[in-house]
Amino acid sequence: MWIIQPLLIHGWLWLLEHGPDVALGPMSAGDVRIAVAKLAAIACCLVINFFAYRYVVWPVERRAEDAPV
């Protein structure tokens, strides 16, 4: 995750640079882009982490008696 999250942040920043500039109160447009990129990267990492644990760390093992006949 230490490798994936910075890559996602940079990817989201690259995408958001091509979008509209939005400033919220005291936050400049650059600050808003950074905050949105970090939140989006956290959300993506949450999903990636779920699937990594679900299918890699603790995969579901089918037993012979559970298999359909």
Protein backbone atom coordinates (compact mmCIF):
# COMPACT_ATOMS: atom_id res chain seq x y z
CA MET A 1 0.00 0.00 0.00
CA TRP A 2 2.97 2.31 0.55
CA ILE A 3 3.70 2.06 -3.16
CA ILE A 4 0.13 2.06 -4.47
CA GLN A 5 -1.19 5.06 -2.52
CA PRO A 6 1.43 7.62 -3.71
CA LEU A 7 0.92 6.42 -7.27
CA LEU A 8 -2.83 6.87 -6.91
CA ILE A 9 -2.37 10.34 -5.42
CA HIS A 10 -0.19 11.41 -8.35
CA GLY A 11 -2.64 9.87 -10.81
CA TRP A 12 -5.60 11.68 -9.25
CA LEU A 13 -3.64 14.94 -9.20
CA TRP A 14 -2.86 14.52 -12.87
CA LEU A 15 -6.55 13.93 -13.65
CA LEU A 16 -7.71 16.83 -11.48
CA GLU A 17 -5.28 19.28 -13.11
CA HIS A 18 -7.31 18.98 -16.31
CA GLY A 19 -10.61 19.72 -14.56
CA PRO A 20 -12.15 22.97 -13.38
CA ASP A 21 -10.52 25.05 -10.66
CA VAL A 22 -12.62 24.99 -7.50
CA ALA A 23 -11.78 27.05 -4.42
CA LEU A 24 -13.59 26.46 -1.13
CA GLY A 25 -13.47 29.32 1.35
CA PRO A 26 -9.89 29.82 2.52
CA MET A 27 -8.64 26.83 0.48
CA SER A 28 -7.11 27.63 -2.88
CA ALA A 29 -7.81 25.54 -5.97
CA GLY A 30 -4.48 23.72 -5.53
CA ASP A 31 -5.32 22.83 -1.93
CA VAL A 32 -8.72 21.49 -2.97
CA ARG A 33 -7.10 19.35 -5.70
CA ILE A 34 -4.64 17.88 -3.20
CA ALA A 35 -7.37 17.14 -0.65
CA VAL A 36 -9.62 15.49 -3.25
CA ALA A 37 -6.71 13.46 -4.64
CA LYS A 38 -5.79 12.20 -1.17
CA LEU A 39 -9.41 11.31 -0.32
CA ALA A 40 -9.84 9.51 -3.65
CA ALA A 41 -6.58 7.61 -3.11
CA ILE A 42 -7.72 6.57 0.37
CA ALA A 43 -11.03 5.32 -1.05
CA CYS A 44 -9.25 3.38 -3.81
CA CYS A 45 -6.80 1.87 -1.32
CA LEU A 46 -9.68 0.80 0.88
CA VAL A 47 -11.18 -1.16 -2.00
CA ILE A 48 -7.79 -2.59 -3.07
CA ASN A 49 -7.04 -3.58 0.52
CA PHE A 50 -10.40 -5.34 0.85
CA PHE A 51 -9.86 -7.41 -2.28
CA ALA A 52 -6.24 -8.18 -1.35
CA TYR A 53 -7.29 -9.53 2.03
CA ARG A 54 -10.33 -11.30 0.60
CA TYR A 55 -8.57 -13.15 -2.20
CA VAL A 56 -4.86 -13.20 -1.26
CA VAL A 57 -4.42 -13.12 2.51
CA TRP A 58 -7.51 -15.12 3.54
CA PRO A 59 -8.84 -16.83 0.44
CA VAL A 60 -12.00 -18.89 0.77
CA GLU A 61 -11.14 -22.55 0.52
CA ARG A 62 -13.76 -24.96 -0.75
CA ARG A 63 -13.94 -28.29 1.01
CA ALA A 64 -14.71 -31.53 -0.77
CA GLU A 65 -18.01 -31.96 1.11
CA ASP A 66 -19.07 -28.40 0.14
CA ALA A 67 -18.55 -28.99 -3.57
CA PRO A 68 -21.70 -29.36 -5.69
CA VAL A 69 -22.48 -32.87 -6.84
